[in-house]
């Protein structure tokens, strides 16, 4: 994405999910073009529409995150330009997020199996 001049942070180490930089509009045509060019590099679960089985895993992961202290963690949004969990208004550096992600990682590991 950076090669396509899109501000993108390194992937979150606990989830592997890349995050857009501050002020990046996922609906911008340049962003969409970069996403299309980089599609094959996205982690499993971020590559277009997940299978029904994987979607069930992501729903279970979201519920686990809510059950572990993040009550506003959203359900997955397949097809979203920002990734499956677009709109997750959480601080990924917050210890509460880190703890919930650690508790729920085994669920997420089942995606793509």
N, C-alpha and C. Protein backbone atom coordinates (compact mmCIF):
# COMPACT_ATOMS: atom_id res chain seq x y z
N UNK A 1 0.83 -1.18 0.00
CA UNK A 1 0.00 0.00 0.00
C UNK A 1 0.88 1.25 0.00
N UNK A 2 1.94 1.18 0.78
CA UNK A 2 2.85 2.33 0.80
C UNK A 2 3.48 2.55 -0.57
N UNK A 3 3.75 1.46 -1.28
CA UNK A 3 4.29 1.58 -2.63
C UNK A 3 3.32 2.31 -3.56
N UNK A 4 2.04 2.31 -3.18
CA UNK A 4 1.00 2.99 -3.96
C UNK A 4 0.63 4.32 -3.31
N UNK A 5 1.53 4.81 -2.42
CA UNK A 5 1.40 6.11 -1.77
C UNK A 5 0.16 6.21 -0.88
N UNK A 6 -0.20 5.11 -0.23
CA UNK A 6 -1.31 5.10 0.73
C UNK A 6 -0.70 4.96 2.12
N UNK A 7 -1.08 5.87 3.02
CA UNK A 7 -0.58 5.83 4.39
C UNK A 7 -1.18 4.61 5.09
N UNK A 8 -0.31 3.67 5.43
CA UNK A 8 -0.76 2.41 6.03
C UNK A 8 0.22 2.04 7.13
N UNK A 9 -0.33 1.80 8.32
CA UNK A 9 0.51 1.37 9.44
C UNK A 9 0.89 -0.10 9.24
N UNK A 10 1.90 -0.54 9.96
CA UNK A 10 2.23 -1.96 9.96
C UNK A 10 1.04 -2.72 10.53
N UNK A 11 0.87 -3.98 10.14
CA UNK A 11 -0.24 -4.77 10.69
C UNK A 11 -0.15 -4.88 12.21
N UNK A 12 -1.32 -4.90 12.84
CA UNK A 12 -1.39 -5.09 14.28
C UNK A 12 -0.80 -6.45 14.61
N UNK A 13 0.19 -6.51 15.52
CA UNK A 13 0.84 -7.79 15.79
C UNK A 13 -0.09 -8.84 16.40
N UNK A 14 -1.15 -8.42 17.08
CA UNK A 14 -2.02 -9.41 17.71
C UNK A 14 -3.08 -9.94 16.76
N UNK A 15 -3.41 -9.19 15.72
CA UNK A 15 -4.45 -9.65 14.80
C UNK A 15 -3.96 -9.85 13.38
N UNK A 16 -2.84 -9.23 13.02
CA UNK A 16 -2.34 -9.30 11.66
C UNK A 16 -3.08 -8.40 10.70
N UNK A 17 -3.98 -7.59 11.22
CA UNK A 17 -4.81 -6.74 10.38
C UNK A 17 -4.11 -5.41 10.15
N UNK A 18 -3.93 -5.03 8.88
CA UNK A 18 -3.34 -3.72 8.59
C UNK A 18 -4.36 -2.61 8.84
N UNK A 19 -3.87 -1.44 9.19
CA UNK A 19 -4.75 -0.30 9.46
C UNK A 19 -4.35 0.88 8.59
N UNK A 20 -5.36 1.56 8.04
CA UNK A 20 -5.10 2.78 7.30
C UNK A 20 -4.56 3.84 8.24
N UNK A 21 -3.75 4.73 7.67
CA UNK A 21 -3.25 5.85 8.45
C UNK A 21 -4.34 6.87 8.69
N UNK A 22 -4.04 7.81 9.55
CA UNK A 22 -4.97 8.88 9.91
C UNK A 22 -5.40 9.65 8.65
N UNK A 23 -6.68 9.82 8.47
CA UNK A 23 -7.20 10.62 7.37
C UNK A 23 -7.33 9.91 6.04
N UNK A 24 -7.02 8.61 5.97
CA UNK A 24 -7.14 7.87 4.71
C UNK A 24 -8.62 7.50 4.53
N UNK A 25 -9.16 7.87 3.37
CA UNK A 25 -10.56 7.57 3.05
C UNK A 25 -10.62 6.27 2.26
N UNK A 26 -11.19 5.18 2.87
CA UNK A 26 -11.23 3.89 2.17
C UNK A 26 -12.04 3.93 0.87
N UNK A 27 -12.87 4.96 0.70
CA UNK A 27 -13.67 5.06 -0.51
C UNK A 27 -12.99 5.87 -1.62
N UNK A 28 -11.82 6.42 -1.32
CA UNK A 28 -11.06 7.17 -2.32
C UNK A 28 -10.66 6.22 -3.45
N UNK A 29 -10.85 6.62 -4.71
CA UNK A 29 -10.48 5.74 -5.83
C UNK A 29 -9.02 5.27 -5.80
N UNK A 30 -8.11 6.12 -5.34
CA UNK A 30 -6.69 5.72 -5.26
C UNK A 30 -6.51 4.61 -4.23
N UNK A 31 -7.25 4.68 -3.13
CA UNK A 31 -7.16 3.64 -2.10
C UNK A 31 -7.72 2.34 -2.64
N UNK A 32 -8.86 2.42 -3.32
CA UNK A 32 -9.47 1.22 -3.89
C UNK A 32 -8.55 0.58 -4.93
N UNK A 33 -7.90 1.39 -5.72
CA UNK A 33 -6.97 0.87 -6.72
C UNK A 33 -5.79 0.19 -6.05
N UNK A 34 -5.26 0.79 -4.99
CA UNK A 34 -4.14 0.19 -4.26
C UNK A 34 -4.57 -1.12 -3.60
N UNK A 35 -5.78 -1.14 -3.03
CA UNK A 35 -6.29 -2.37 -2.42
C UNK A 35 -6.40 -3.49 -3.45
N UNK A 36 -6.88 -3.16 -4.62
CA UNK A 36 -7.00 -4.16 -5.68
C UNK A 36 -5.62 -4.69 -6.08
N UNK A 37 -4.65 -3.79 -6.16
CA UNK A 37 -3.30 -4.19 -6.56
C UNK A 37 -2.62 -5.05 -5.49
N UNK A 38 -3.01 -4.86 -4.23
CA UNK A 38 -2.35 -5.55 -3.12
C UNK A 38 -3.21 -6.67 -2.54
N UNK A 39 -4.32 -6.98 -3.14
CA UNK A 39 -5.29 -7.94 -2.61
C UNK A 39 -4.66 -9.27 -2.21
N UNK A 40 -3.74 -9.77 -3.01
CA UNK A 40 -3.16 -11.08 -2.72
C UNK A 40 -2.22 -11.06 -1.51
N UNK A 41 -1.89 -9.87 -1.00
CA UNK A 41 -1.01 -9.75 0.16
C UNK A 41 -1.77 -9.60 1.47
N UNK A 42 -3.09 -9.41 1.38
CA UNK A 42 -3.89 -9.23 2.58
C UNK A 42 -3.97 -10.52 3.39
N UNK A 43 -4.08 -10.39 4.72
CA UNK A 43 -4.22 -11.60 5.53
C UNK A 43 -5.55 -12.28 5.26
N UNK A 44 -5.61 -13.57 5.56
CA UNK A 44 -6.86 -14.32 5.40
C UNK A 44 -7.93 -13.58 6.19
N UNK A 45 -9.11 -13.46 5.61
CA UNK A 45 -10.19 -12.76 6.27
C UNK A 45 -10.33 -11.34 5.78
N UNK A 46 -9.31 -10.81 5.13
CA UNK A 46 -9.38 -9.47 4.59
C UNK A 46 -9.52 -9.50 3.08
N UNK A 47 -9.48 -10.68 2.49
CA UNK A 47 -9.48 -10.84 1.03
C UNK A 47 -10.90 -11.02 0.51
N UNK A 48 -11.59 -9.94 0.36
CA UNK A 48 -12.94 -10.03 -0.21
C UNK A 48 -13.89 -10.75 0.72
N UNK A 49 -14.82 -11.47 0.14
CA UNK A 49 -15.86 -12.14 0.91
C UNK A 49 -15.34 -13.42 1.55
N UNK A 50 -15.51 -13.54 2.86
CA UNK A 50 -15.10 -14.78 3.51
C UNK A 50 -16.10 -15.89 3.22
N UNK A 51 -15.66 -17.11 3.38
CA UNK A 51 -16.58 -18.24 3.25
C UNK A 51 -17.57 -18.17 4.42
N UNK A 52 -18.66 -18.92 4.31
CA UNK A 52 -19.63 -18.95 5.41
C UNK A 52 -18.98 -19.46 6.69
N UNK A 53 -18.11 -20.46 6.56
CA UNK A 53 -17.44 -21.00 7.74
C UNK A 53 -16.52 -19.95 8.38
N UNK A 54 -15.77 -19.23 7.54
CA UNK A 54 -14.89 -18.19 8.09
C UNK A 54 -15.70 -17.05 8.69
N UNK A 55 -16.82 -16.69 8.07
CA UNK A 55 -17.66 -15.63 8.61
C UNK A 55 -18.15 -16.02 10.00
N UNK A 56 -18.51 -17.29 10.18
CA UNK A 56 -18.92 -17.76 11.51
C UNK A 56 -17.79 -17.59 12.52
N UNK A 57 -16.55 -17.86 12.08
CA UNK A 57 -15.39 -17.69 12.95
C UNK A 57 -15.24 -16.22 13.34
N UNK A 58 -15.39 -15.31 12.38
CA UNK A 58 -15.22 -13.89 12.65
C UNK A 58 -16.32 -13.35 13.56
N UNK A 59 -17.53 -13.87 13.40
CA UNK A 59 -18.64 -13.48 14.29
C UNK A 59 -18.32 -13.95 15.71
N UNK A 60 -17.83 -15.18 15.84
CA UNK A 60 -17.47 -15.71 17.15
C UNK A 60 -16.32 -14.90 17.77
N UNK A 61 -15.36 -14.49 16.94
CA UNK A 61 -14.25 -13.66 17.42
C UNK A 61 -14.78 -12.32 17.94
N UNK A 62 -15.66 -11.69 17.19
CA UNK A 62 -16.22 -10.41 17.61
C UNK A 62 -16.97 -10.56 18.94
N UNK A 63 -17.74 -11.63 19.06
CA UNK A 63 -18.47 -11.87 20.31
C UNK A 63 -17.49 -12.09 21.46
N UNK A 64 -16.43 -12.83 21.21
CA UNK A 64 -15.41 -13.06 22.22
C UNK A 64 -14.78 -11.73 22.66
N UNK A 65 -14.50 -10.86 21.71
CA UNK A 65 -13.91 -9.55 22.05
C UNK A 65 -14.88 -8.76 22.93
N UNK A 66 -16.17 -8.81 22.61
CA UNK A 66 -17.16 -8.12 23.44
C UNK A 66 -17.23 -8.75 24.83
N UNK A 67 -17.19 -10.07 24.88
CA UNK A 67 -17.26 -10.78 26.15
C UNK A 67 -16.03 -10.55 27.02
N UNK A 68 -14.95 -10.10 26.41
CA UNK A 68 -13.69 -9.90 27.13
C UNK A 68 -13.33 -8.43 27.30
N UNK A 69 -14.35 -7.60 27.46
CA UNK A 69 -14.11 -6.22 27.85
C UNK A 69 -14.21 -5.16 26.78
N UNK A 70 -14.58 -5.53 25.56
CA UNK A 70 -14.73 -4.54 24.49
C UNK A 70 -16.18 -4.58 23.98
N UNK A 71 -17.13 -4.05 24.77
CA UNK A 71 -18.55 -4.19 24.44
C UNK A 71 -18.97 -3.56 23.11
N UNK A 72 -18.19 -2.63 22.59
CA UNK A 72 -18.58 -2.00 21.32
C UNK A 72 -17.86 -2.60 20.11
N UNK A 73 -17.11 -3.70 20.31
CA UNK A 73 -16.41 -4.31 19.17
C UNK A 73 -17.46 -4.78 18.16
N UNK A 74 -17.33 -4.37 16.88
CA UNK A 74 -18.38 -4.67 15.91
C UNK A 74 -18.33 -6.08 15.35
N UNK A 75 -19.47 -6.53 14.85
CA UNK A 75 -19.49 -7.76 14.07
C UNK A 75 -18.76 -7.51 12.76
N UNK A 76 -18.28 -8.57 12.11
CA UNK A 76 -17.56 -8.40 10.84
C UNK A 76 -18.44 -7.78 9.77
N UNK A 77 -17.80 -7.02 8.88
CA UNK A 77 -18.48 -6.36 7.78
C UNK A 77 -17.86 -6.82 6.47
N UNK A 78 -18.27 -7.99 5.96
CA UNK A 78 -17.69 -8.47 4.70
C UNK A 78 -17.84 -7.44 3.58
N UNK A 79 -16.79 -7.32 2.77
CA UNK A 79 -16.82 -6.41 1.64
C UNK A 79 -16.45 -4.99 1.97
N UNK A 80 -16.20 -4.68 3.23
CA UNK A 80 -15.83 -3.33 3.63
C UNK A 80 -14.40 -3.04 3.18
N UNK A 81 -14.20 -1.84 2.63
CA UNK A 81 -12.86 -1.47 2.17
C UNK A 81 -11.87 -1.37 3.32
N UNK A 82 -12.36 -1.15 4.52
CA UNK A 82 -11.47 -1.03 5.67
C UNK A 82 -11.15 -2.36 6.32
N UNK A 83 -11.63 -3.45 5.76
CA UNK A 83 -11.40 -4.77 6.33
C UNK A 83 -12.63 -5.27 7.06
N UNK A 84 -12.58 -6.50 7.47
CA UNK A 84 -13.74 -7.13 8.11
C UNK A 84 -14.24 -6.40 9.33
N UNK A 85 -13.33 -5.83 10.09
CA UNK A 85 -13.75 -5.17 11.32
C UNK A 85 -13.62 -3.66 11.19
N UNK A 86 -13.96 -3.15 10.01
CA UNK A 86 -13.96 -1.71 9.79
C UNK A 86 -14.92 -1.08 10.79
N UNK A 87 -14.52 0.02 11.32
CA UNK A 87 -15.36 0.70 12.29
C UNK A 87 -15.09 0.27 13.72
N UNK A 88 -14.16 -0.65 13.90
CA UNK A 88 -13.82 -1.06 15.27
C UNK A 88 -13.07 0.11 15.91
N UNK A 89 -13.79 0.88 16.69
CA UNK A 89 -13.23 2.08 17.31
C UNK A 89 -12.54 1.70 18.60
N UNK A 90 -11.39 1.05 18.46
CA UNK A 90 -10.63 0.60 19.62
C UNK A 90 -9.18 1.02 19.46
N UNK A 91 -8.54 1.22 20.57
CA UNK A 91 -7.12 1.52 20.57
C UNK A 91 -6.38 0.19 20.68
N UNK A 92 -5.75 -0.22 19.61
CA UNK A 92 -5.09 -1.52 19.58
C UNK A 92 -3.89 -1.59 20.51
N UNK A 93 -3.46 -0.45 21.02
CA UNK A 93 -2.37 -0.44 22.00
C UNK A 93 -2.88 -0.48 23.43
N UNK A 94 -4.19 -0.36 23.60
CA UNK A 94 -4.81 -0.39 24.92
C UNK A 94 -4.64 -1.80 25.52
N UNK A 95 -4.18 -1.88 26.77
CA UNK A 95 -4.03 -3.19 27.39
C UNK A 95 -5.32 -4.02 27.38
N UNK A 96 -6.48 -3.38 27.47
CA UNK A 96 -7.75 -4.12 27.43
C UNK A 96 -7.94 -4.79 26.07
N UNK A 97 -7.57 -4.08 24.99
CA UNK A 97 -7.66 -4.68 23.66
C UNK A 97 -6.67 -5.84 23.54
N UNK A 98 -5.46 -5.61 23.98
CA UNK A 98 -4.43 -6.64 23.89
C UNK A 98 -4.84 -7.90 24.64
N UNK A 99 -5.42 -7.72 25.83
CA UNK A 99 -5.84 -8.87 26.63
C UNK A 99 -6.99 -9.60 25.94
N UNK A 100 -7.98 -8.85 25.43
CA UNK A 100 -9.11 -9.49 24.74
C UNK A 100 -8.63 -10.22 23.50
N UNK A 101 -7.75 -9.59 22.72
CA UNK A 101 -7.23 -10.23 21.51
C UNK A 101 -6.48 -11.51 21.83
N UNK A 102 -5.73 -11.48 22.93
CA UNK A 102 -5.00 -12.68 23.33
C UNK A 102 -5.99 -13.79 23.73
N UNK A 103 -7.04 -13.43 24.45
CA UNK A 103 -8.05 -14.41 24.87
C UNK A 103 -8.78 -15.02 23.66
N UNK A 104 -8.94 -14.23 22.61
CA UNK A 104 -9.77 -14.64 21.46
C UNK A 104 -8.97 -15.16 20.28
N UNK A 105 -7.65 -15.12 20.36
CA UNK A 105 -6.81 -15.50 19.22
C UNK A 105 -7.07 -16.92 18.74
N UNK A 106 -7.34 -17.85 19.65
CA UNK A 106 -7.55 -19.23 19.23
C UNK A 106 -8.78 -19.34 18.35
N UNK A 107 -9.76 -18.48 18.56
CA UNK A 107 -10.95 -18.48 17.70
C UNK A 107 -10.54 -18.00 16.31
N UNK A 108 -9.82 -16.89 16.26
CA UNK A 108 -9.41 -16.31 14.98
C UNK A 108 -8.50 -17.25 14.19
N UNK A 109 -7.72 -18.05 14.90
CA UNK A 109 -6.82 -18.99 14.24
C UNK A 109 -7.57 -20.05 13.41
N UNK A 110 -8.85 -20.22 13.66
CA UNK A 110 -9.64 -21.23 12.94
C UNK A 110 -10.05 -20.75 11.54
N UNK A 111 -9.92 -19.46 11.28
CA UNK A 111 -10.27 -18.92 9.95
C UNK A 111 -9.33 -19.47 8.90
N UNK A 112 -9.87 -19.82 7.77
CA UNK A 112 -9.08 -20.34 6.67
C UNK A 112 -8.67 -21.78 6.81
N UNK A 113 -9.16 -22.42 7.85
CA UNK A 113 -8.78 -23.83 8.08
C UNK A 113 -9.58 -24.76 7.21
